[in-house]
Amino acid sequence: TPMVNLVKAMPADKFNFAPSAAIFVPSQKTEYTGVRTFGALVIHVAQANYGLGGRIGGLKPDVDPASLAKLTDKDQIVAALEASFAFVHKSIATLTPANAFESVRGPQTRASMAAFVAVHTSDEYGQMVEYLRMNGMVPPASQKK
């Protein structure tokens, strides 16, 4: 996926990178307290994929999504992201015309949660693109061939 390729492109020593006021012009007054590191952003996507996938398909993940927060190694984080995408794809594959619009959480249906997977992934991907660019890198999908 484009996100996995982007995550793999970030050097391992940059997984602890997070934007801070120090990298912007002094006149820009923005609060950066609590901004996720690149690695934490990737883990957030993996955890969301497991949470949403579980609601969409009623499947139980093979991993405790909360335990992913302890990961620090790039290879482990990449593997967790890839596994979470496999899980959420498997969950989305359980959708049928008969169950797609069943409520799984109040007004949310299986279909609306599947759509949210795409929206959420796109939103987080955009943030990751900026993290790469702040580190002087061109994201793989933007590189001229």
C-alpha atoms as a PDB file:
ATOM      1  CA  THR A   1       0.000   0.000   0.000  1.00  0.00           C
ATOM      2  CA  PRO A   2       1.139   3.606  -0.411  1.00  0.00           C
ATOM      3  CA  MET A   3       1.151   4.021   3.377  1.00  0.00           C
ATOM      4  CA  VAL A   4       3.355   0.984   3.966  1.00  0.00           C
ATOM      5  CA  ASN A   5       5.772   2.208   1.284  1.00  0.00           C
ATOM      6  CA  LEU A   6       5.868   5.645   2.925  1.00  0.00           C
ATOM      7  CA  VAL A   7       6.488   4.151   6.377  1.00  0.00           C
ATOM      8  CA  LYS A   8       9.284   1.956   5.021  1.00  0.00           C
ATOM      9  CA  ALA A   9      10.893   5.039   3.425  1.00  0.00           C
ATOM     10  CA  MET A  10      11.303   6.817   6.771  1.00  0.00           C
ATOM     11  CA  PRO A  11      14.725   5.994   8.246  1.00  0.00           C
ATOM     12  CA  ALA A  12      14.612   4.054  11.509  1.00  0.00           C
ATOM     13  CA  ASP A  13      16.353   6.885  13.369  1.00  0.00           C
ATOM     14  CA  LYS A  14      13.472   9.226  12.427  1.00  0.00           C
ATOM     15  CA  PHE A  15      10.686   7.119  13.955  1.00  0.00           C
ATOM     16  CA  ASN A  16      11.015   9.265  17.096  1.00  0.00           C
ATOM     17  CA  PHE A  17      10.641  12.477  15.089  1.00  0.00           C
ATOM     18  CA  ALA A  18       7.745  14.788  15.923  1.00  0.00           C
ATOM     19  CA  PRO A  19       7.203  18.350  14.737  1.00  0.00           C
ATOM     20  CA  SER A  20       8.209  20.995  17.242  1.00  0.00           C
ATOM     21  CA  ALA A  21       8.273  24.780  17.358  1.00  0.00           C
ATOM     22  CA  ALA A  22      12.052  24.614  16.872  1.00  0.00           C
ATOM     23  CA  ILE A  23      11.723  23.639  13.198  1.00  0.00           C
ATOM     24  CA  PHE A  24       9.420  26.530  12.273  1.00  0.00           C
ATOM     25  CA  VAL A  25       9.933  30.272  12.065  1.00  0.00           C
ATOM     26  CA  PRO A  26       9.860  31.991  15.469  1.00  0.00           C
ATOM     27  CA  SER A  27       6.802  34.072  14.593  1.00  0.00           C
ATOM     28  CA  GLN A  28       4.681  30.943  14.151  1.00  0.00           C
ATOM     29  CA  LYS A  29       2.956  30.396  17.459  1.00  0.00           C
ATOM     30  CA  THR A  30       1.677  26.836  17.437  1.00  0.00           C
ATOM     31  CA  GLU A  31       1.482  24.376  20.302  1.00  0.00           C
ATOM     32  CA  TYR A  32       3.193  21.031  19.669  1.00  0.00           C
ATOM     33  CA  THR A  33       2.817  19.437  23.092  1.00  0.00           C
ATOM     34  CA  GLY A  34       1.510  15.905  22.708  1.00  0.00           C
ATOM     35  CA  VAL A  35       2.065  15.677  18.949  1.00  0.00           C
ATOM     36  CA  ARG A  36       2.683  12.062  18.014  1.00  0.00           C
ATOM     37  CA  THR A  37       6.072  10.891  16.851  1.00  0.00           C
ATOM     38  CA  PHE A  38       6.210   9.291  13.406  1.00  0.00           C
ATOM     39  CA  GLY A  39       6.347   5.810  14.952  1.00  0.00           C
ATOM     40  CA  ALA A  40       3.420   6.576  17.265  1.00  0.00           C
ATOM     41  CA  LEU A  41       1.414   7.808  14.284  1.00  0.00           C
ATOM     42  CA  VAL A  42       2.031   4.503  12.485  1.00  0.00           C
ATOM     43  CA  ILE A  43       1.078   2.540  15.599  1.00  0.00           C
ATOM     44  CA  HIS A  44      -2.103   4.639  15.900  1.00  0.00           C
ATOM     45  CA  VAL A  45      -3.124   3.577  12.384  1.00  0.00           C
ATOM     46  CA  ALA A  46      -2.460  -0.084  13.193  1.00  0.00           C
ATOM     47  CA  GLN A  47      -4.491   0.132  16.398  1.00  0.00           C
ATOM     48  CA  ALA A  48      -7.358   1.869  14.582  1.00  0.00           C
ATOM     49  CA  ASN A  49      -7.337  -0.804  11.867  1.00  0.00           C
ATOM     50  CA  TYR A  50      -7.721  -3.492  14.508  1.00  0.00           C
ATOM     51  CA  GLY A  51     -10.449  -1.613  16.378  1.00  0.00           C
ATOM     52  CA  LEU A  52     -12.453  -0.760  13.289  1.00  0.00           C
ATOM     53  CA  GLY A  53     -11.879  -4.159  11.722  1.00  0.00           C
ATOM     54  CA  GLY A  54     -13.167  -5.895  14.831  1.00  0.00           C
ATOM     55  CA  ARG A  55     -16.391  -3.892  14.694  1.00  0.00           C
ATOM     56  CA  ILE A  56     -16.836  -4.298  10.934  1.00  0.00           C
ATOM     57  CA  GLY A  57     -16.432  -8.049  10.753  1.00  0.00           C
ATOM     58  CA  GLY A  58     -16.844  -9.151  14.342  1.00  0.00           C
ATOM     59  CA  LEU A  59     -13.412 -10.760  14.119  1.00  0.00           C
ATOM     60  CA  LYS A  60     -10.918 -10.877  16.972  1.00  0.00           C
ATOM     61  CA  PRO A  61      -7.365  -9.839  16.183  1.00  0.00           C
ATOM     62  CA  ASP A  62      -4.500 -12.219  16.952  1.00  0.00           C
ATOM     63  CA  VAL A  63      -2.746  -9.380  18.783  1.00  0.00           C
ATOM     64  CA  ASP A  64      -3.762  -7.056  21.596  1.00  0.00           C
ATOM     65  CA  PRO A  65      -3.886  -3.661  19.827  1.00  0.00           C
ATOM     66  CA  ALA A  66      -2.992  -1.869  23.086  1.00  0.00           C
ATOM     67  CA  SER A  67       0.300  -3.791  23.233  1.00  0.00           C
ATOM     68  CA  LEU A  68       1.417  -2.164  19.973  1.00  0.00           C
ATOM     69  CA  ALA A  69       2.044   1.087  21.850  1.00  0.00           C
ATOM     70  CA  LYS A  70       5.162  -0.523  23.352  1.00  0.00           C
ATOM     71  CA  LEU A  71       6.810  -1.082  19.951  1.00  0.00           C
ATOM     72  CA  THR A  72       9.880   1.030  19.188  1.00  0.00           C
ATOM     73  CA  ASP A  73      11.730  -0.920  16.483  1.00  0.00           C
ATOM     74  CA  LYS A  74      11.009   0.160  12.888  1.00  0.00           C
ATOM     75  CA  ASP A  75      10.763  -3.399  11.565  1.00  0.00           C
ATOM     76  CA  GLN A  76       8.296  -4.367  14.306  1.00  0.00           C
ATOM     77  CA  ILE A  77       6.196  -1.260  13.676  1.00  0.00           C
ATOM     78  CA  VAL A  78       6.130  -1.902   9.915  1.00  0.00           C
ATOM     79  CA  ALA A  79       5.149  -5.530  10.519  1.00  0.00           C
ATOM     80  CA  ALA A  80       2.371  -4.444  12.884  1.00  0.00           C
ATOM     81  CA  LEU A  81       1.030  -1.988  10.295  1.00  0.00           C
ATOM     82  CA  GLU A  82       1.071  -4.624   7.548  1.00  0.00           C
ATOM     83  CA  ALA A  83      -0.678  -7.161   9.794  1.00  0.00           C
ATOM     84  CA  SER A  84      -3.323  -4.590  10.747  1.00  0.00           C
ATOM     85  CA  PHE A  85      -4.084  -3.892   7.091  1.00  0.00           C
ATOM     86  CA  ALA A  86      -4.412  -7.633   6.420  1.00  0.00           C
ATOM     87  CA  PHE A  87      -6.825  -7.852   9.367  1.00  0.00           C
ATOM     88  CA  VAL A  88      -8.968  -4.899   8.339  1.00  0.00           C
ATOM     89  CA  HIS A  89      -9.083  -6.118   4.716  1.00  0.00           C
ATOM     90  CA  LYS A  90     -10.232  -9.537   5.969  1.00  0.00           C
ATOM     91  CA  SER A  91     -12.895  -7.804   8.059  1.00  0.00           C
ATOM     92  CA  ILE A  92     -14.122  -5.662   5.177  1.00  0.00           C
ATOM     93  CA  ALA A  93     -14.365  -8.815   3.042  1.00  0.00           C
ATOM     94  CA  THR A  94     -17.106 -10.043   5.411  1.00  0.00           C
ATOM     95  CA  LEU A  95     -19.453  -7.307   4.186  1.00  0.00           C
ATOM     96  CA  THR A  96     -22.449  -8.502   2.229  1.00  0.00           C
ATOM     97  CA  PRO A  97     -25.555  -6.729   0.931  1.00  0.00           C
ATOM     98  CA  ALA A  98     -27.414  -8.358   3.824  1.00  0.00           C
ATOM     99  CA  ASN A  99     -25.123  -7.132   6.655  1.00  0.00           C
ATOM    100  CA  ALA A 100     -23.482  -3.963   5.321  1.00  0.00           C
ATOM    101  CA  PHE A 101     -26.019  -1.617   6.850  1.00  0.00           C
ATOM    102  CA  GLU A 102     -26.445  -3.318  10.202  1.00  0.00           C
ATOM    103  CA  SER A 103     -25.707  -1.051  13.128  1.00  0.00           C
ATOM    104  CA  VAL A 104     -22.474  -1.833  14.935  1.00  0.00           C
ATOM    105  CA  ARG A 105     -22.278   1.253  17.110  1.00  0.00           C
ATOM    106  CA  GLY A 106     -25.320   3.490  17.289  1.00  0.00           C
ATOM    107  CA  PRO A 107     -25.889   5.045  13.875  1.00  0.00           C
ATOM    108  CA  GLN A 108     -22.626   3.566  12.532  1.00  0.00           C
ATOM    109  CA  THR A 109     -22.998   0.606  10.232  1.00  0.00           C
ATOM    110  CA  ARG A 110     -20.511  -1.937   8.975  1.00  0.00           C
ATOM    111  CA  ALA A 111     -20.379  -0.063   5.662  1.00  0.00           C
ATOM    112  CA  SER A 112     -19.861   3.363   7.238  1.00  0.00           C
ATOM    113  CA  MET A 113     -17.053   1.987   9.397  1.00  0.00           C
ATOM    114  CA  ALA A 114     -15.423   0.435   6.332  1.00  0.00           C
ATOM    115  CA  ALA A 115     -15.602   3.840   4.642  1.00  0.00           C
ATOM    116  CA  PHE A 116     -14.077   5.413   7.752  1.00  0.00           C
ATOM    117  CA  VAL A 117     -11.089   3.064   7.444  1.00  0.00           C
ATOM    118  CA  ALA A 118     -10.333   4.695   4.085  1.00  0.00           C
ATOM    119  CA  VAL A 119     -10.906   8.221   5.411  1.00  0.00           C
ATOM    120  CA  HIS A 120      -8.822   7.687   8.542  1.00  0.00           C
ATOM    121  CA  THR A 121      -5.966   6.050   6.637  1.00  0.00           C
ATOM    122  CA  SER A 122      -5.915   8.911   4.125  1.00  0.00           C
ATOM    123  CA  ASP A 123      -5.879  11.520   6.878  1.00  0.00           C
ATOM    124  CA  GLU A 124      -3.001   9.879   8.727  1.00  0.00           C
ATOM    125  CA  TYR A 125      -1.134   9.270   5.451  1.00  0.00           C
ATOM    126  CA  GLY A 126      -1.248  13.016   4.789  1.00  0.00           C
ATOM    127  CA  GLN A 127       0.306  13.689   8.181  1.00  0.00           C
ATOM    128  CA  MET A 128       3.028  11.125   7.539  1.00  0.00           C
ATOM    129  CA  VAL A 129       3.823  12.786   4.202  1.00  0.00           C
ATOM    130  CA  GLU A 130       4.491  16.026   6.050  1.00  0.00           C
ATOM    131  CA  TYR A 131       6.736  14.258   8.570  1.00  0.00           C
ATOM    132  CA  LEU A 132       8.862  12.925   5.692  1.00  0.00           C
ATOM    133  CA  ARG A 133       8.984  16.357   4.039  1.00  0.00           C
ATOM    134  CA  MET A 134      10.026  18.007   7.329  1.00  0.00           C
ATOM    135  CA  ASN A 135      12.976  15.625   7.251  1.00  0.00           C
ATOM    136  CA  GLY A 136      13.965  16.609   3.716  1.00  0.00           C
ATOM    137  CA  MET A 137      12.507  13.534   2.049  1.00  0.00           C
ATOM    138  CA  VAL A 138      10.189  13.170  -0.936  1.00  0.00           C
ATOM    139  CA  PRO A 139       7.493  10.579  -0.186  1.00  0.00           C
ATOM    140  CA  PRO A 140       7.654   7.536  -2.501  1.00  0.00           C
ATOM    141  CA  ALA A 141       4.311   8.317  -4.183  1.00  0.00           C
ATOM    142  CA  SER A 142       5.547  11.844  -5.048  1.00  0.00           C
ATOM    143  CA  GLN A 143       8.903  10.843  -6.483  1.00  0.00           C
ATOM    144  CA  LYS A 144       9.410  11.425 -10.188  1.00  0.00           C
ATOM    145  CA  LYS A 145      10.060   8.202 -11.994  1.00  0.00           C
END
